[in-house]
N, C-alpha and C. Protein backbone atom coordinates (compact mmCIF):
# COMPACT_ATOMS: atom_id res chain seq x y z
N MET A 1 -46.73 -30.11 -23.55
CA MET A 1 -46.99 -29.40 -22.47
C MET A 1 -45.55 -28.58 -22.00
N PHE A 2 -45.89 -27.54 -21.23
CA PHE A 2 -44.74 -26.66 -20.90
C PHE A 2 -43.92 -27.39 -19.82
N ASP A 3 -42.66 -27.02 -19.72
CA ASP A 3 -41.69 -27.63 -18.98
C ASP A 3 -41.97 -27.03 -17.48
N LEU A 4 -42.59 -27.96 -16.68
CA LEU A 4 -43.03 -27.56 -15.36
C LEU A 4 -41.73 -27.44 -14.29
N THR A 5 -40.67 -27.91 -14.60
CA THR A 5 -39.49 -27.85 -13.78
C THR A 5 -38.96 -26.40 -13.87
N LYS A 6 -39.34 -25.67 -14.71
CA LYS A 6 -38.84 -24.28 -14.78
C LYS A 6 -39.50 -23.22 -13.86
N ILE A 7 -40.68 -23.92 -13.38
CA ILE A 7 -41.61 -23.05 -12.50
C ILE A 7 -40.95 -22.82 -10.93
N TYR A 8 -40.92 -21.89 -10.35
CA TYR A 8 -40.32 -21.53 -9.04
C TYR A 8 -41.51 -22.09 -8.04
N TYR A 9 -41.27 -23.13 -7.45
CA TYR A 9 -42.24 -23.67 -6.32
C TYR A 9 -42.00 -23.22 -4.93
N PRO A 10 -43.00 -23.24 -4.03
CA PRO A 10 -44.36 -23.61 -4.35
C PRO A 10 -45.05 -22.39 -5.34
N THR A 11 -46.14 -22.85 -5.97
CA THR A 11 -46.75 -21.98 -7.04
C THR A 11 -48.26 -22.34 -6.95
N TYR A 12 -49.14 -21.49 -7.36
CA TYR A 12 -50.57 -21.65 -7.51
C TYR A 12 -51.02 -22.32 -8.73
N ILE A 13 -52.00 -23.07 -8.65
CA ILE A 13 -52.73 -23.61 -9.96
C ILE A 13 -54.08 -23.21 -9.71
N ILE A 14 -54.71 -22.58 -10.84
CA ILE A 14 -55.99 -22.13 -10.68
C ILE A 14 -56.88 -22.86 -11.72
N GLY A 15 -58.13 -23.29 -11.37
CA GLY A 15 -58.92 -23.88 -12.41
C GLY A 15 -59.62 -22.84 -13.21
N ILE A 16 -59.56 -23.05 -14.59
CA ILE A 16 -60.32 -22.03 -15.47
C ILE A 16 -61.56 -22.76 -15.82
N PRO A 17 -62.67 -22.23 -15.45
CA PRO A 17 -64.04 -22.75 -15.79
C PRO A 17 -64.24 -22.48 -17.22
N LYS A 18 -65.23 -23.21 -17.73
CA LYS A 18 -65.62 -22.95 -19.11
C LYS A 18 -66.71 -21.80 -19.01
N ALA A 19 -66.07 -20.48 -19.21
CA ALA A 19 -66.76 -19.37 -18.77
C ALA A 19 -66.07 -18.18 -19.49
N THR A 20 -66.76 -17.03 -19.34
CA THR A 20 -66.08 -15.77 -19.94
C THR A 20 -65.12 -15.12 -19.05
N LYS A 21 -63.81 -14.88 -19.56
CA LYS A 21 -62.97 -14.36 -18.71
C LYS A 21 -63.33 -12.63 -18.61
N CYS A 22 -63.21 -12.12 -17.49
CA CYS A 22 -63.75 -10.95 -17.20
C CYS A 22 -62.83 -10.02 -16.31
N ILE A 23 -63.24 -8.77 -16.34
CA ILE A 23 -62.21 -7.82 -15.40
C ILE A 23 -63.30 -6.78 -14.93
N TYR A 24 -63.10 -6.47 -13.74
CA TYR A 24 -63.85 -5.14 -13.10
C TYR A 24 -62.78 -4.13 -12.95
N ILE A 25 -63.03 -2.92 -13.47
CA ILE A 25 -62.21 -1.77 -13.33
C ILE A 25 -63.08 -0.71 -12.68
N PRO A 26 -63.01 -0.38 -11.30
CA PRO A 26 -63.70 0.63 -10.76
C PRO A 26 -63.87 2.05 -11.43
N ALA A 27 -62.66 2.26 -11.99
CA ALA A 27 -62.49 3.69 -12.56
C ALA A 27 -63.49 3.85 -13.87
N ASP A 28 -63.75 2.62 -14.56
CA ASP A 28 -64.46 2.43 -15.74
C ASP A 28 -65.90 2.45 -15.31
N VAL A 29 -66.42 3.54 -14.92
CA VAL A 29 -67.95 3.59 -14.39
C VAL A 29 -68.94 3.18 -15.34
N ASP A 30 -68.79 3.53 -16.74
CA ASP A 30 -69.64 3.15 -17.62
C ASP A 30 -69.92 1.56 -17.97
N LEU A 31 -68.76 0.90 -17.99
CA LEU A 31 -68.72 -0.48 -18.06
C LEU A 31 -68.70 -1.37 -16.79
N GLY A 32 -67.80 -1.02 -15.97
CA GLY A 32 -67.90 -1.64 -14.58
C GLY A 32 -67.20 -3.06 -14.87
N LEU A 33 -67.98 -4.05 -15.12
CA LEU A 33 -67.67 -5.36 -15.40
C LEU A 33 -67.85 -5.68 -16.86
N ARG A 34 -66.51 -6.23 -17.40
CA ARG A 34 -66.64 -6.46 -18.78
C ARG A 34 -65.76 -7.67 -19.15
N ASP A 35 -65.98 -8.15 -20.32
CA ASP A 35 -65.21 -9.33 -20.73
C ASP A 35 -63.94 -8.69 -21.57
N TYR A 36 -63.08 -9.55 -21.97
CA TYR A 36 -61.78 -8.99 -22.49
C TYR A 36 -61.89 -8.33 -24.00
N SER A 37 -63.17 -8.44 -24.60
CA SER A 37 -63.22 -7.75 -25.84
C SER A 37 -63.93 -6.45 -25.52
N GLY A 38 -64.14 -6.14 -24.30
CA GLY A 38 -64.67 -4.86 -23.96
C GLY A 38 -66.16 -4.70 -23.86
N LYS A 39 -66.93 -5.78 -24.04
CA LYS A 39 -68.39 -5.98 -23.87
C LYS A 39 -68.80 -5.96 -22.39
N GLU A 40 -69.75 -5.14 -22.05
CA GLU A 40 -70.26 -5.18 -20.70
C GLU A 40 -71.02 -6.36 -20.42
N LEU A 41 -70.81 -6.79 -19.15
CA LEU A 41 -71.50 -8.08 -18.64
C LEU A 41 -72.46 -7.67 -17.51
N ASN A 42 -73.74 -8.04 -17.80
CA ASN A 42 -74.75 -7.59 -16.95
C ASN A 42 -75.07 -8.74 -15.98
N ILE A 43 -74.90 -8.41 -14.69
CA ILE A 43 -75.46 -9.45 -13.70
C ILE A 43 -76.09 -8.82 -12.67
N LEU A 44 -77.07 -9.48 -12.13
CA LEU A 44 -78.03 -8.99 -11.17
C LEU A 44 -77.51 -8.12 -10.13
N LYS A 45 -76.25 -8.59 -9.56
CA LYS A 45 -75.86 -8.04 -8.34
C LYS A 45 -74.62 -6.99 -8.54
N LEU A 46 -74.58 -6.56 -9.78
CA LEU A 46 -73.42 -5.78 -10.08
C LEU A 46 -73.24 -4.64 -9.17
N TYR A 47 -74.32 -4.13 -8.58
CA TYR A 47 -74.30 -2.90 -7.71
C TYR A 47 -73.32 -3.15 -6.52
N LYS A 48 -73.31 -4.46 -6.23
CA LYS A 48 -72.32 -4.85 -4.90
C LYS A 48 -70.90 -4.50 -5.30
N LEU A 49 -70.48 -4.84 -6.54
CA LEU A 49 -69.07 -4.71 -6.95
C LEU A 49 -68.77 -2.97 -6.94
N LYS A 50 -69.60 -2.12 -7.19
CA LYS A 50 -69.48 -0.73 -7.16
C LYS A 50 -68.92 -0.27 -5.76
N ARG A 51 -69.04 -1.15 -4.67
CA ARG A 51 -68.40 -0.94 -3.27
C ARG A 51 -66.83 -1.00 -3.58
N ILE A 52 -66.38 -1.67 -4.34
CA ILE A 52 -64.99 -1.80 -4.54
C ILE A 52 -64.50 -0.82 -5.52
N THR A 53 -63.70 0.24 -4.82
CA THR A 53 -63.31 1.50 -5.51
C THR A 53 -61.98 1.60 -5.73
N ASP A 54 -61.19 0.67 -5.10
CA ASP A 54 -59.59 0.95 -5.05
C ASP A 54 -58.92 -0.35 -5.69
N SER A 55 -59.52 -1.30 -6.24
CA SER A 55 -59.07 -2.43 -6.62
C SER A 55 -59.66 -2.93 -8.22
N VAL A 56 -58.84 -3.67 -8.94
CA VAL A 56 -59.25 -4.27 -10.20
C VAL A 56 -59.38 -5.58 -9.91
N LEU A 57 -60.46 -6.38 -10.36
CA LEU A 57 -60.81 -7.73 -10.06
C LEU A 57 -60.73 -8.50 -11.43
N GLU A 58 -60.03 -9.51 -11.46
CA GLU A 58 -59.96 -10.34 -12.57
C GLU A 58 -60.53 -11.81 -12.34
N GLY A 59 -61.32 -12.33 -13.32
CA GLY A 59 -61.86 -13.71 -13.02
C GLY A 59 -62.83 -14.08 -14.12
N TYR A 60 -63.55 -14.99 -13.75
CA TYR A 60 -64.48 -15.71 -14.87
C TYR A 60 -65.94 -15.55 -14.44
N TYR A 61 -66.89 -15.29 -15.50
CA TYR A 61 -68.29 -14.98 -15.15
C TYR A 61 -68.97 -16.36 -15.93
N VAL A 62 -69.88 -16.90 -15.10
CA VAL A 62 -70.64 -18.00 -15.63
C VAL A 62 -71.94 -17.96 -14.73
N ASN A 63 -73.12 -18.07 -15.57
CA ASN A 63 -74.39 -18.22 -15.08
C ASN A 63 -74.55 -17.31 -13.78
N ASP A 64 -74.50 -15.98 -13.98
CA ASP A 64 -74.56 -14.99 -12.94
C ASP A 64 -73.65 -15.17 -11.68
N ARG A 65 -72.58 -15.89 -11.94
CA ARG A 65 -71.69 -16.15 -10.87
C ARG A 65 -70.22 -15.61 -11.32
N LEU A 66 -69.47 -14.95 -10.36
CA LEU A 66 -68.29 -14.50 -10.69
C LEU A 66 -67.16 -15.33 -9.90
N TYR A 67 -66.20 -15.88 -10.59
CA TYR A 67 -65.12 -16.56 -9.88
C TYR A 67 -63.69 -15.78 -10.12
N PHE A 68 -63.44 -15.11 -9.04
CA PHE A 68 -62.12 -14.31 -9.23
C PHE A 68 -60.95 -14.99 -8.89
N PHE A 69 -59.83 -14.58 -9.44
CA PHE A 69 -58.51 -15.23 -9.24
C PHE A 69 -57.47 -14.23 -9.00
N ASP A 70 -57.70 -12.96 -9.15
CA ASP A 70 -56.68 -11.84 -8.97
C ASP A 70 -57.20 -10.56 -8.60
N ALA A 71 -56.54 -9.86 -7.89
CA ALA A 71 -57.00 -8.38 -7.47
C ALA A 71 -55.68 -7.57 -7.40
N LEU A 72 -55.88 -6.49 -7.98
CA LEU A 72 -54.78 -5.48 -8.25
C LEU A 72 -55.13 -4.20 -7.62
N PRO A 73 -54.24 -3.48 -6.90
CA PRO A 73 -54.70 -2.00 -6.68
C PRO A 73 -54.89 -1.25 -7.82
N LEU A 74 -55.94 -0.60 -7.81
CA LEU A 74 -56.22 0.39 -8.99
C LEU A 74 -54.95 1.33 -9.35
N LYS A 75 -54.44 1.81 -8.30
CA LYS A 75 -53.14 2.71 -8.77
C LYS A 75 -52.06 2.05 -9.55
N ASP A 76 -52.06 0.75 -9.23
CA ASP A 76 -50.99 -0.11 -9.94
C ASP A 76 -51.56 -0.43 -11.32
N PHE A 77 -52.90 -0.75 -11.46
CA PHE A 77 -53.38 -0.92 -12.77
C PHE A 77 -53.33 0.18 -13.78
N GLU A 78 -53.57 1.42 -13.15
CA GLU A 78 -53.61 2.54 -13.96
C GLU A 78 -52.12 2.96 -14.28
N SER A 79 -51.20 2.67 -13.56
CA SER A 79 -49.79 3.01 -13.88
C SER A 79 -49.10 1.90 -14.60
N ASN A 80 -49.80 0.67 -14.95
CA ASN A 80 -49.23 -0.29 -15.54
C ASN A 80 -47.89 -0.83 -14.84
N LYS A 81 -47.83 -0.60 -13.58
CA LYS A 81 -46.77 -1.10 -12.78
C LYS A 81 -47.19 -1.82 -11.49
N CYS A 82 -47.07 -3.13 -11.47
CA CYS A 82 -47.56 -3.91 -10.31
C CYS A 82 -46.43 -3.77 -9.06
N THR A 83 -47.03 -3.42 -7.93
CA THR A 83 -45.99 -3.37 -6.75
C THR A 83 -46.27 -4.33 -5.86
N ILE A 84 -47.02 -5.45 -5.93
CA ILE A 84 -47.10 -6.36 -5.03
C ILE A 84 -47.36 -7.96 -5.85
N ALA A 85 -46.83 -8.76 -5.12
CA ALA A 85 -46.69 -10.22 -5.69
C ALA A 85 -48.04 -10.85 -5.79
N TYR A 86 -48.13 -11.81 -6.47
CA TYR A 86 -49.35 -12.81 -6.58
C TYR A 86 -49.93 -13.16 -5.21
N GLN A 87 -49.07 -13.66 -4.26
CA GLN A 87 -49.60 -14.17 -3.01
C GLN A 87 -50.19 -12.98 -2.17
N ASP A 88 -49.71 -11.78 -2.35
CA ASP A 88 -50.25 -10.64 -1.60
C ASP A 88 -51.55 -10.22 -2.34
N ARG A 89 -51.51 -10.29 -3.73
CA ARG A 89 -52.72 -9.95 -4.38
C ARG A 89 -53.85 -10.97 -4.05
N ARG A 90 -53.57 -12.21 -3.81
CA ARG A 90 -54.57 -13.12 -3.56
C ARG A 90 -55.16 -12.90 -2.10
N SER A 91 -54.27 -12.38 -1.08
CA SER A 91 -54.64 -11.92 0.19
C SER A 91 -55.50 -10.70 -0.01
N LEU A 92 -55.44 -9.66 -0.93
CA LEU A 92 -56.28 -8.64 -1.17
C LEU A 92 -57.49 -9.06 -1.74
N LEU A 93 -57.54 -10.11 -2.54
CA LEU A 93 -58.63 -10.58 -3.16
C LEU A 93 -59.65 -11.17 -2.13
N ARG A 94 -58.96 -11.97 -1.17
CA ARG A 94 -59.64 -12.71 -0.27
C ARG A 94 -60.44 -11.74 0.78
N SER A 95 -59.70 -10.73 1.07
CA SER A 95 -60.25 -9.53 1.99
C SER A 95 -61.42 -8.87 1.23
N ILE A 96 -61.29 -8.70 0.03
CA ILE A 96 -62.38 -8.01 -0.67
C ILE A 96 -63.66 -8.83 -0.67
N LEU A 97 -63.42 -10.32 -1.06
CA LEU A 97 -64.62 -11.10 -1.16
C LEU A 97 -65.21 -11.28 0.17
N ASN A 98 -64.43 -11.51 1.38
CA ASN A 98 -64.89 -11.69 2.61
C ASN A 98 -65.41 -10.50 3.41
N ASP A 99 -64.82 -9.45 3.14
CA ASP A 99 -65.02 -8.19 4.19
C ASP A 99 -65.97 -7.24 3.35
N ARG A 100 -65.92 -7.09 2.07
CA ARG A 100 -66.65 -6.06 1.43
C ARG A 100 -67.72 -6.56 0.53
N LEU A 101 -67.63 -7.77 -0.08
CA LEU A 101 -68.65 -8.26 -0.97
C LEU A 101 -69.51 -9.19 -0.20
N ALA A 102 -68.96 -10.18 0.45
CA ALA A 102 -69.62 -11.11 1.33
C ALA A 102 -70.88 -11.61 0.68
N ASP A 103 -71.01 -12.15 -0.56
CA ASP A 103 -72.04 -12.54 -1.15
C ASP A 103 -71.52 -13.87 -1.95
N TYR A 104 -71.43 -14.91 -1.19
CA TYR A 104 -70.80 -16.11 -1.73
C TYR A 104 -71.41 -16.90 -2.88
N ASN A 105 -72.82 -16.57 -3.01
CA ASN A 105 -73.49 -17.05 -4.00
C ASN A 105 -73.22 -16.55 -5.38
N THR A 106 -72.83 -15.25 -5.44
CA THR A 106 -72.45 -14.33 -6.52
C THR A 106 -71.02 -14.30 -6.89
N PHE A 107 -70.25 -13.92 -5.75
CA PHE A 107 -68.80 -13.67 -5.88
C PHE A 107 -67.89 -14.76 -5.05
N THR A 108 -67.12 -15.35 -5.76
CA THR A 108 -66.26 -16.31 -4.90
C THR A 108 -64.86 -16.41 -5.57
N GLU A 109 -64.09 -17.01 -4.85
CA GLU A 109 -62.68 -17.10 -5.32
C GLU A 109 -62.56 -18.52 -6.24
N ALA A 110 -61.91 -18.35 -7.35
CA ALA A 110 -61.89 -19.41 -8.24
C ALA A 110 -61.07 -20.46 -7.64
N TYR A 111 -61.30 -21.71 -7.96
CA TYR A 111 -60.59 -22.92 -7.51
C TYR A 111 -59.10 -22.85 -7.57
N THR A 112 -58.51 -22.93 -6.41
CA THR A 112 -56.98 -22.62 -6.50
C THR A 112 -56.22 -23.59 -5.35
N GLU A 113 -55.06 -24.04 -5.77
CA GLU A 113 -54.31 -24.87 -4.99
C GLU A 113 -53.03 -24.51 -5.01
N LEU A 114 -52.29 -24.62 -3.81
CA LEU A 114 -50.96 -24.30 -3.69
C LEU A 114 -50.13 -25.64 -3.95
N VAL A 115 -49.19 -25.53 -4.73
CA VAL A 115 -48.64 -26.97 -5.27
C VAL A 115 -47.14 -26.72 -4.99
N TYR A 116 -46.49 -27.79 -4.73
CA TYR A 116 -44.86 -27.95 -4.26
C TYR A 116 -44.16 -28.55 -5.44
N TYR A 117 -44.64 -29.41 -6.07
CA TYR A 117 -43.88 -30.24 -7.02
C TYR A 117 -44.64 -30.38 -8.42
N PRO A 118 -43.90 -30.56 -9.55
CA PRO A 118 -44.61 -30.66 -10.96
C PRO A 118 -45.70 -31.54 -11.01
N GLY A 119 -45.33 -32.85 -10.37
CA GLY A 119 -46.35 -33.88 -10.42
C GLY A 119 -47.71 -33.55 -10.01
N GLU A 120 -47.69 -32.52 -8.83
CA GLU A 120 -48.93 -32.10 -8.29
C GLU A 120 -49.81 -31.28 -9.26
N ILE A 121 -48.99 -30.43 -10.14
CA ILE A 121 -49.65 -29.66 -11.13
C ILE A 121 -50.31 -30.46 -12.21
N LYS A 122 -49.66 -31.70 -12.60
CA LYS A 122 -50.21 -32.64 -13.65
C LYS A 122 -51.50 -33.23 -13.12
N ALA A 123 -51.48 -33.71 -11.74
CA ALA A 123 -52.58 -34.26 -11.24
C ALA A 123 -53.78 -33.34 -10.96
N ILE A 124 -53.62 -32.09 -10.54
CA ILE A 124 -54.65 -31.15 -10.41
C ILE A 124 -55.30 -30.69 -11.75
N TYR A 125 -54.30 -30.53 -12.56
CA TYR A 125 -54.71 -30.16 -13.97
C TYR A 125 -55.61 -31.38 -14.66
N SER A 126 -55.38 -32.67 -14.52
CA SER A 126 -56.09 -33.79 -14.90
C SER A 126 -57.36 -33.64 -14.38
N LYS A 127 -57.45 -33.55 -12.99
CA LYS A 127 -58.67 -33.49 -12.17
C LYS A 127 -59.60 -32.34 -12.54
N CYS A 128 -58.95 -31.21 -12.84
CA CYS A 128 -59.80 -29.95 -13.51
C CYS A 128 -60.44 -30.35 -14.77
N VAL A 129 -59.58 -30.82 -15.65
CA VAL A 129 -60.34 -31.31 -17.03
C VAL A 129 -61.40 -32.26 -16.84
N ILE A 130 -61.17 -33.30 -16.03
CA ILE A 130 -62.10 -34.38 -15.96
C ILE A 130 -63.36 -33.76 -15.35
N ASN A 131 -63.19 -32.71 -14.43
CA ASN A 131 -64.47 -32.12 -13.63
C ASN A 131 -65.01 -30.99 -14.50
N GLY A 132 -64.54 -30.92 -15.89
CA GLY A 132 -65.30 -29.88 -16.67
C GLY A 132 -64.65 -28.45 -16.82
N TYR A 133 -63.42 -28.43 -16.20
CA TYR A 133 -62.82 -27.02 -16.31
C TYR A 133 -62.09 -27.11 -17.80
N ARG A 134 -62.11 -25.78 -18.31
CA ARG A 134 -61.29 -25.49 -19.60
C ARG A 134 -59.80 -25.97 -19.56
N GLY A 135 -59.27 -25.65 -18.33
CA GLY A 135 -57.80 -25.86 -18.26
C GLY A 135 -57.50 -25.24 -16.74
N CYS A 136 -56.26 -24.67 -16.75
CA CYS A 136 -55.67 -24.16 -15.52
C CYS A 136 -54.66 -23.03 -15.80
N LEU A 137 -54.61 -22.20 -14.91
CA LEU A 137 -53.72 -20.96 -14.89
C LEU A 137 -52.57 -21.39 -13.80
N ILE A 138 -51.45 -20.91 -13.98
CA ILE A 138 -50.22 -21.20 -13.14
C ILE A 138 -49.89 -19.73 -12.73
N ARG A 139 -49.80 -19.49 -11.47
CA ARG A 139 -49.20 -18.32 -10.89
C ARG A 139 -48.32 -18.33 -9.79
N SER A 140 -46.98 -17.89 -10.09
CA SER A 140 -45.96 -18.05 -9.01
C SER A 140 -46.37 -17.19 -7.83
N ARG A 141 -46.09 -17.55 -6.61
CA ARG A 141 -46.29 -16.78 -5.63
C ARG A 141 -45.79 -15.39 -5.59
N TYR A 142 -44.58 -15.25 -6.14
CA TYR A 142 -43.94 -13.99 -6.29
C TYR A 142 -44.05 -13.22 -7.64
N ASN A 143 -44.85 -13.78 -8.53
CA ASN A 143 -45.12 -13.15 -9.73
C ASN A 143 -45.83 -11.93 -9.56
N MET A 144 -45.11 -10.89 -10.39
CA MET A 144 -45.88 -9.60 -10.44
C MET A 144 -46.98 -9.65 -11.46
N TYR A 145 -47.96 -8.88 -11.46
CA TYR A 145 -49.08 -8.85 -12.56
C TYR A 145 -48.45 -8.50 -13.91
N SER A 146 -48.73 -9.37 -15.00
CA SER A 146 -48.22 -8.97 -16.24
C SER A 146 -49.56 -8.65 -17.19
N TRP A 147 -49.40 -7.60 -17.75
CA TRP A 147 -50.54 -7.14 -18.64
C TRP A 147 -50.59 -7.85 -19.98
N GLY A 148 -51.10 -9.13 -19.91
CA GLY A 148 -51.35 -9.91 -21.27
C GLY A 148 -50.15 -10.71 -21.36
N ARG A 149 -49.22 -10.70 -20.77
CA ARG A 149 -47.87 -11.38 -21.01
C ARG A 149 -47.88 -12.83 -20.08
N PHE A 150 -47.31 -13.87 -20.67
CA PHE A 150 -47.05 -15.03 -19.97
C PHE A 150 -45.60 -15.19 -19.99
N SER A 151 -45.22 -15.94 -18.92
CA SER A 151 -43.67 -16.16 -18.60
C SER A 151 -43.73 -17.56 -18.14
N ASP A 152 -42.51 -17.96 -17.55
CA ASP A 152 -42.42 -19.51 -17.10
C ASP A 152 -43.06 -19.67 -16.06
N ASP A 153 -43.35 -18.61 -15.19
CA ASP A 153 -44.17 -18.79 -13.83
C ASP A 153 -45.51 -18.29 -13.99
N ASN A 154 -45.98 -17.96 -15.17
CA ASN A 154 -47.34 -17.28 -15.41
C ASN A 154 -47.85 -17.79 -16.72
N PHE A 155 -48.62 -18.83 -16.73
CA PHE A 155 -49.15 -19.28 -18.11
C PHE A 155 -50.40 -20.07 -17.78
N GLU A 156 -50.98 -20.35 -18.90
CA GLU A 156 -52.24 -21.23 -18.94
C GLU A 156 -51.91 -22.75 -19.44
N LEU A 157 -52.44 -23.68 -18.94
CA LEU A 157 -52.46 -25.07 -19.44
C LEU A 157 -53.79 -25.26 -19.98
N ILE A 158 -54.06 -25.64 -21.08
CA ILE A 158 -55.30 -25.71 -21.75
C ILE A 158 -55.14 -26.84 -22.65
N PRO A 159 -56.00 -27.91 -22.72
CA PRO A 159 -55.88 -29.15 -23.44
C PRO A 159 -55.59 -29.05 -24.89
N GLU A 160 -56.44 -28.10 -25.57
CA GLU A 160 -56.20 -27.90 -27.02
C GLU A 160 -54.74 -27.57 -27.45
N ILE A 161 -54.03 -26.82 -26.53
CA ILE A 161 -52.78 -26.40 -26.88
C ILE A 161 -51.67 -27.23 -26.43
N ASN A 162 -52.05 -28.21 -25.65
CA ASN A 162 -51.01 -29.13 -24.94
C ASN A 162 -51.07 -30.50 -25.57
N LYS A 163 -51.50 -30.60 -26.63
CA LYS A 163 -51.62 -32.11 -27.23
C LYS A 163 -50.36 -32.48 -28.02
């Protein structure tokens, strides 16, 4: 297991469902919502995502439902330079979900907890795995978006790699 004492607390822990990780890029009109291999994901209410023209959304897709855990301004995504920390991106995500999408049967925030101590991460991680999640993501409140890179404050806890 990773050294959880190296994390800057408080931090967020996000449940990873057994699902396809996906990204919505509004500038990518042809694909819109896709998995990380580039394959288009067809969902019945994809047209509602088209309302989001200024943000990239990242999450998981399972059974025609999207569980988002991150949002990034499109201009930051296009320039590969993040200008807002995770806690502010999370506020952006909540605003998008509540004010612009407002369809909680299709679009929702991924299960997320704010934790203050390493023991809380272990307990939530165990709870997630017992409840059928694939694992957990750790996101520091102050972490900037990193394109495919993990650090001490930005990584995944997955049972198969932590034995």
